[in-house]
Amino acid sequence: MATVSVSDSFSRNCSSLHLPSSSSSSGFQRFSRQKSPSLRIRCSGIDDTSTLQGTLFPFKNLKNVACSLFAVWAVNAASPAIAANQRLPPLSTEPNRCERAFVGNTIGQANGVYDKPIDLRFCDYSNDKSNLKGKSLAAALMSDAKFDGADMSEVVMSKAYAVGASFKGVNFSNAVLDRVNFEKANLKGAVFRNTVLSGSIFGEAQLEDVVFEDTIIGYIDLQKLCTNATITAEGRMVLGCR
C-alpha cells in the first residue's frame, strides 16, 4: 500500500492515509481511468471523551474533525498527480462543434471553468478576421486545429489545450493566454502584443518571427520560453533572454 504520512500535530491523532495500490506498474495513471480511490484513515491516541477533555482539544468530536481535515489535505495533495495523467476525452460528435468557437463559453473564464466543453480539435479557422475576436475559449480543446492568419485579439484562452495546433500569423494582441499548452504548436509570425502569457507552455513550439511586445509573463515562465531555439535574435532581445 502507498502511504502518506505527516509529521505535524495531526500525526498524533491521524497516523496515516492509505491509497489502494494497483497491480499495474502505471500507478496513478490507472486511477485516472477509474473511479477515485477509496481512502482509509487510521486514527489513534484519542479513544474516549475523558481523554479529549484533558487535551488541547476541548470538544468531544474534534478527533473526527482533525482526521477529516487531514483527509481533505491528503486528497488535494494527491490530485495533481492523478490529473496530470488524464487522457483527453473522445472527439465530440456534435455536428456544429467547430462553430461553437464563434460563441465561446461564459462561465469562470480565468479558471478555465465552462458551462459546456468546447472541442475545436481538427477545425479550420484560417484567415477568420471577425468570428473569433474577443471570444472566451477557456479550457478549449484545440489540438491539431488551424487558426492561420486569424484575428484572435482580446480572446480569452485560459487553460486551453493547443498542442500541435497551427497559429501562423495569428494576431493575439490584448489576449489572455494564461496556462495554455502550446507544445509543438506552429506560431510562426504570431503577434503577442500586450498579451498575457503567464504559465503557458511552449515546448518544441515553432516561434520564428513571433512579435513579443509588452508581453505579460512571469520570470520563471520567461526563462523557460527563452530556451526555445526558434525565437529570433530580435525576439530574444525584446523578451530580455540572456
Protein backbone atom coordinates (compact mmCIF):
# COMPACT_ATOMS: atom_id res chain seq x y z
CA MET A 1 0.00 0.00 0.00
CA ALA A 2 1.10 3.56 -0.71
CA THR A 3 1.27 5.62 2.46
CA VAL A 4 1.19 9.35 3.01
CA SER A 5 2.29 10.41 6.44
CA VAL A 6 2.70 13.75 8.23
CA SER A 7 4.99 14.87 10.98
CA ASP A 8 2.96 17.78 12.36
CA SER A 9 0.45 17.79 15.20
CA PHE A 10 -2.02 15.75 13.19
CA SER A 11 0.31 12.77 13.31
CA ARG A 12 -0.59 12.18 16.95
CA ASN A 13 -4.19 11.56 16.00
CA CYS A 14 -4.18 10.56 12.33
CA SER A 15 -1.21 8.32 11.76
CA SER A 16 -1.53 7.60 8.06
CA LEU A 17 -3.61 7.69 4.96
CA HIS A 18 -3.71 4.68 2.70
CA LEU A 19 -4.44 4.53 -1.00
CA PRO A 20 -5.08 1.11 -2.51
CA SER A 21 -2.19 0.14 -4.74
CA SER A 22 -2.60 -1.16 -8.24
CA SER A 23 -1.22 -4.37 -9.57
CA SER A 24 -0.22 -2.41 -12.68
CA SER A 25 3.07 -0.54 -12.79
CA SER A 26 1.26 2.54 -14.12
CA GLY A 27 0.44 3.72 -10.58
CA PHE A 28 -1.75 6.82 -10.53
CA GLN A 29 -2.28 6.64 -14.28
CA ARG A 30 -4.67 3.80 -13.69
CA PHE A 31 -6.71 5.85 -11.24
CA SER A 32 -7.34 8.44 -13.97
CA ARG A 33 -9.33 5.89 -15.91
CA GLN A 34 -11.27 4.55 -12.93
CA LYS A 35 -13.23 5.88 -10.02
CA SER A 36 -11.41 7.89 -7.40
CA PRO A 37 -9.51 5.61 -5.00
CA SER A 38 -11.08 4.89 -1.66
CA LEU A 39 -9.32 6.21 1.42
CA ARG A 40 -8.84 4.75 4.87
CA ILE A 41 -7.73 6.97 7.75
CA ARG A 42 -6.33 5.30 10.86
CA CYS A 43 -6.62 7.47 13.99
CA SER A 44 -5.25 6.60 17.36
CA GLY A 45 -4.34 8.14 20.65
CA ILE A 46 -7.76 9.60 21.46
CA ASP A 47 -10.23 6.92 22.33
CA ASP A 48 -12.81 8.48 24.62
CA THR A 49 -14.33 11.70 25.93
CA SER A 50 -12.30 11.77 29.12
CA THR A 51 -9.06 11.76 27.15
CA LEU A 52 -10.26 14.60 24.96
CA GLN A 53 -11.16 16.75 27.98
CA GLY A 54 -7.56 16.62 29.15
CA THR A 55 -6.05 17.71 25.87
CA LEU A 56 -5.87 20.92 23.88
CA PHE A 57 -8.98 19.74 22.03
CA PRO A 58 -11.92 20.55 24.36
CA PHE A 59 -14.65 19.42 22.03
CA LYS A 60 -15.99 15.91 22.06
CA ASN A 61 -15.85 15.28 18.34
CA LEU A 62 -12.69 17.19 17.42
CA LYS A 63 -10.80 13.95 16.88
CA ASN A 64 -13.04 13.21 13.91
CA VAL A 65 -12.75 16.79 12.67
CA ALA A 66 -8.95 16.63 12.76
CA CYS A 67 -8.92 13.38 10.84
CA SER A 68 -11.36 14.75 8.27
CA LEU A 69 -9.24 17.85 7.72
CA PHE A 70 -6.18 15.70 7.24
CA ALA A 71 -8.00 13.50 4.74
CA VAL A 72 -9.06 16.53 2.70
CA TRP A 73 -5.48 17.83 2.69
CA ALA A 74 -4.10 14.47 1.60
CA VAL A 75 -6.59 14.07 -1.25
CA ASN A 76 -5.85 17.57 -2.53
CA ALA A 77 -2.11 16.88 -2.37
CA ALA A 78 -2.52 13.71 -4.42
CA SER A 79 -4.89 15.18 -7.00
CA PRO A 80 -2.29 16.84 -9.27
CA ALA A 81 -0.55 13.52 -9.85
CA ILE A 82 -3.82 11.95 -10.90
CA ALA A 83 -4.93 14.88 -13.09
CA ALA A 84 -1.56 15.01 -14.84
CA ASN A 85 -2.17 11.56 -16.29
CA GLN A 86 -5.73 12.08 -17.50
CA ARG A 87 -6.36 11.48 -21.19
CA LEU A 88 -8.26 13.79 -23.48
CA PRO A 89 -11.95 12.97 -23.97
CA PRO A 90 -13.10 11.40 -27.25
CA LEU A 91 -13.66 13.79 -30.14
CA SER A 92 -17.06 15.44 -29.83
CA THR A 93 -19.73 14.15 -32.19
CA GLU A 94 -21.70 17.40 -32.02
CA PRO A 95 -22.49 18.35 -35.67
CA ASN A 96 -21.66 22.04 -35.26
CA ARG A 97 -18.86 21.73 -32.74
CA CYS A 98 -16.45 23.91 -34.78
CA GLU A 99 -18.98 26.75 -34.90
CA ARG A 100 -19.06 26.83 -31.10
CA ALA A 101 -15.82 28.84 -31.22
CA PHE A 102 -17.88 31.73 -32.63
CA VAL A 103 -20.00 31.71 -29.45
CA GLY A 104 -17.43 30.69 -26.83
CA ASN A 105 -18.21 29.90 -23.23
CA THR A 106 -19.26 32.16 -20.43
CA ILE A 107 -18.52 30.68 -17.01
CA GLY A 108 -15.32 31.10 -14.98
CA GLN A 109 -13.14 32.37 -17.81
CA ALA A 110 -9.98 32.94 -15.76
CA ASN A 111 -10.02 29.46 -14.24
CA GLY A 112 -10.90 27.51 -17.35
CA VAL A 113 -14.32 26.53 -15.98
CA TYR A 114 -17.02 26.30 -18.62
CA ASP A 115 -20.74 25.72 -18.98
CA LYS A 116 -20.11 23.27 -21.82
CA PRO A 117 -16.78 21.94 -23.15
CA ILE A 118 -15.56 23.43 -26.43
CA ASP A 119 -13.97 20.84 -28.70
CA LEU A 120 -12.23 22.55 -31.63
CA ARG A 121 -9.81 19.78 -32.48
CA PHE A 122 -9.06 19.48 -36.23
CA CYS A 123 -11.26 22.50 -37.03
CA ASP A 124 -10.07 25.06 -39.61
CA TYR A 125 -10.42 28.80 -38.89
CA SER A 126 -7.77 30.02 -41.32
CA ASN A 127 -7.96 33.76 -42.10
CA ASP A 128 -11.06 34.32 -39.97
CA LYS A 129 -10.98 38.05 -39.20
CA SER A 130 -14.17 38.56 -37.22
CA ASN A 131 -15.72 35.49 -35.62
CA LEU A 132 -13.01 34.71 -33.06
CA LYS A 133 -12.06 38.19 -31.87
CA GLY A 134 -12.82 38.75 -28.18
CA LYS A 135 -14.33 35.31 -27.66
CA SER A 136 -13.89 33.28 -24.46
CA LEU A 137 -12.37 29.90 -25.28
CA ALA A 138 -11.35 28.95 -21.75
CA ALA A 139 -10.16 25.33 -21.48
CA ALA A 140 -10.98 24.73 -25.15
CA LEU A 141 -9.51 21.65 -26.83
CA MET A 142 -7.60 22.99 -29.84
CA SER A 143 -5.03 20.35 -30.69
CA ASP A 144 -4.36 19.96 -34.42
CA ALA A 145 -6.74 22.81 -35.31
CA LYS A 146 -5.78 25.55 -37.82
CA PHE A 147 -6.06 29.26 -36.97
CA ASP A 148 -3.54 30.57 -39.53
CA GLY A 149 -4.00 34.28 -40.25
CA ALA A 150 -6.98 34.63 -37.91
CA ASP A 151 -7.69 37.65 -35.72
CA MET A 152 -7.76 36.36 -32.14
CA SER A 153 -7.18 39.69 -30.45
CA GLU A 154 -8.74 40.05 -26.99
CA VAL A 155 -9.56 36.34 -26.90
CA VAL A 156 -9.55 34.54 -23.53
CA MET A 157 -7.91 31.11 -23.77
CA SER A 158 -7.13 30.34 -20.14
CA LYS A 159 -6.05 26.70 -19.74
CA ALA A 160 -6.69 25.89 -23.41
CA TYR A 161 -5.08 22.74 -24.83
CA ALA A 162 -3.46 23.73 -28.14
CA VAL A 163 -0.83 21.02 -28.61
CA GLY A 164 0.13 20.69 -32.27
CA ALA A 165 -2.25 23.44 -33.40
CA SER A 166 -1.30 25.97 -36.09
CA PHE A 167 -1.43 29.70 -35.30
CA LYS A 168 0.77 31.09 -38.09
CA GLY A 169 0.41 34.85 -38.33
CA VAL A 170 -2.36 34.98 -35.72
CA ASN A 171 -2.98 38.33 -34.01
CA PHE A 172 -3.12 37.69 -30.23
CA SER A 173 -2.99 41.38 -29.25
CA ASN A 174 -4.55 42.11 -25.83
CA ALA A 175 -5.42 38.42 -25.41
CA VAL A 176 -5.39 36.42 -22.18
CA LEU A 177 -3.44 33.22 -22.86
CA ASP A 178 -2.51 32.16 -19.36
CA ARG A 179 -1.72 28.47 -18.70
CA VAL A 180 -2.20 27.49 -22.35
CA ASN A 181 -0.42 24.37 -23.59
CA PHE A 182 1.24 25.40 -26.88
CA GLU A 183 3.57 22.41 -27.07
CA LYS A 184 4.57 21.56 -30.68
CA ALA A 185 2.28 24.33 -31.97
CA ASN A 186 3.22 26.37 -35.05
CA LEU A 187 3.22 30.03 -34.03
CA LYS A 188 5.40 31.46 -36.82
CA GLY A 189 4.79 35.17 -37.21
CA ALA A 190 2.17 35.33 -34.45
CA VAL A 191 1.74 38.67 -32.68
CA PHE A 192 1.78 38.76 -28.87
CA ARG A 193 1.24 42.47 -28.21
CA ASN A 194 0.17 43.33 -24.67
CA THR A 195 -0.68 39.64 -24.28
CA VAL A 196 -0.85 37.69 -21.01
CA LEU A 197 1.29 34.54 -21.33
CA SER A 198 1.79 33.66 -17.68
CA GLY A 199 2.02 29.92 -17.03
CA SER A 200 1.82 28.95 -20.71
CA ILE A 201 3.96 26.15 -22.17
CA PHE A 202 5.88 26.45 -25.47
CA GLY A 203 7.90 23.23 -25.53
CA GLU A 204 9.02 22.40 -29.10
CA ALA A 205 6.76 25.15 -30.49
CA GLN A 206 7.81 26.99 -33.65
CA LEU A 207 8.32 30.64 -32.71
CA GLU A 208 10.14 32.08 -35.73
CA ASP A 209 9.37 35.78 -36.36
CA VAL A 210 6.96 35.94 -33.44
CA VAL A 211 6.35 39.50 -32.22
CA PHE A 212 6.70 39.92 -28.46
CA GLU A 213 5.72 43.45 -27.45
CA ASP A 214 4.73 44.47 -23.91
CA THR A 215 4.08 40.80 -23.22
CA ILE A 216 3.00 39.93 -19.66
CA ILE A 217 4.86 36.86 -18.46
CA GLY A 218 6.38 35.67 -15.18
CA TYR A 219 10.14 35.41 -14.65
CA ILE A 220 10.21 31.59 -14.44
CA ASP A 221 7.95 31.28 -17.48
CA LEU A 222 10.22 33.67 -19.36
CA GLN A 223 13.28 31.57 -18.60
CA LYS A 224 11.53 28.51 -19.99
CA LEU A 225 10.37 30.40 -23.08
CA CYS A 226 13.91 31.63 -23.75
CA THR A 227 15.14 28.05 -24.09
CA ASN A 228 13.20 27.77 -27.37
CA ALA A 229 15.87 27.98 -30.06
CA THR A 230 13.44 29.08 -32.79
CA ILE A 231 12.95 32.56 -31.30
CA THR A 232 14.77 35.13 -33.44
CA ALA A 233 17.56 37.32 -32.11
CA GLU A 234 15.22 40.31 -32.14
CA GLY A 235 12.57 38.39 -30.23
CA ARG A 236 15.09 37.29 -27.63
CA MET A 237 16.25 40.87 -27.19
CA VAL A 238 12.70 42.15 -26.71
CA LEU A 239 11.96 39.39 -24.20
CA GLY A 240 15.20 40.02 -22.35
CA CYS A 241 16.55 36.50 -22.82
CA ARG A 242 20.13 36.02 -21.66
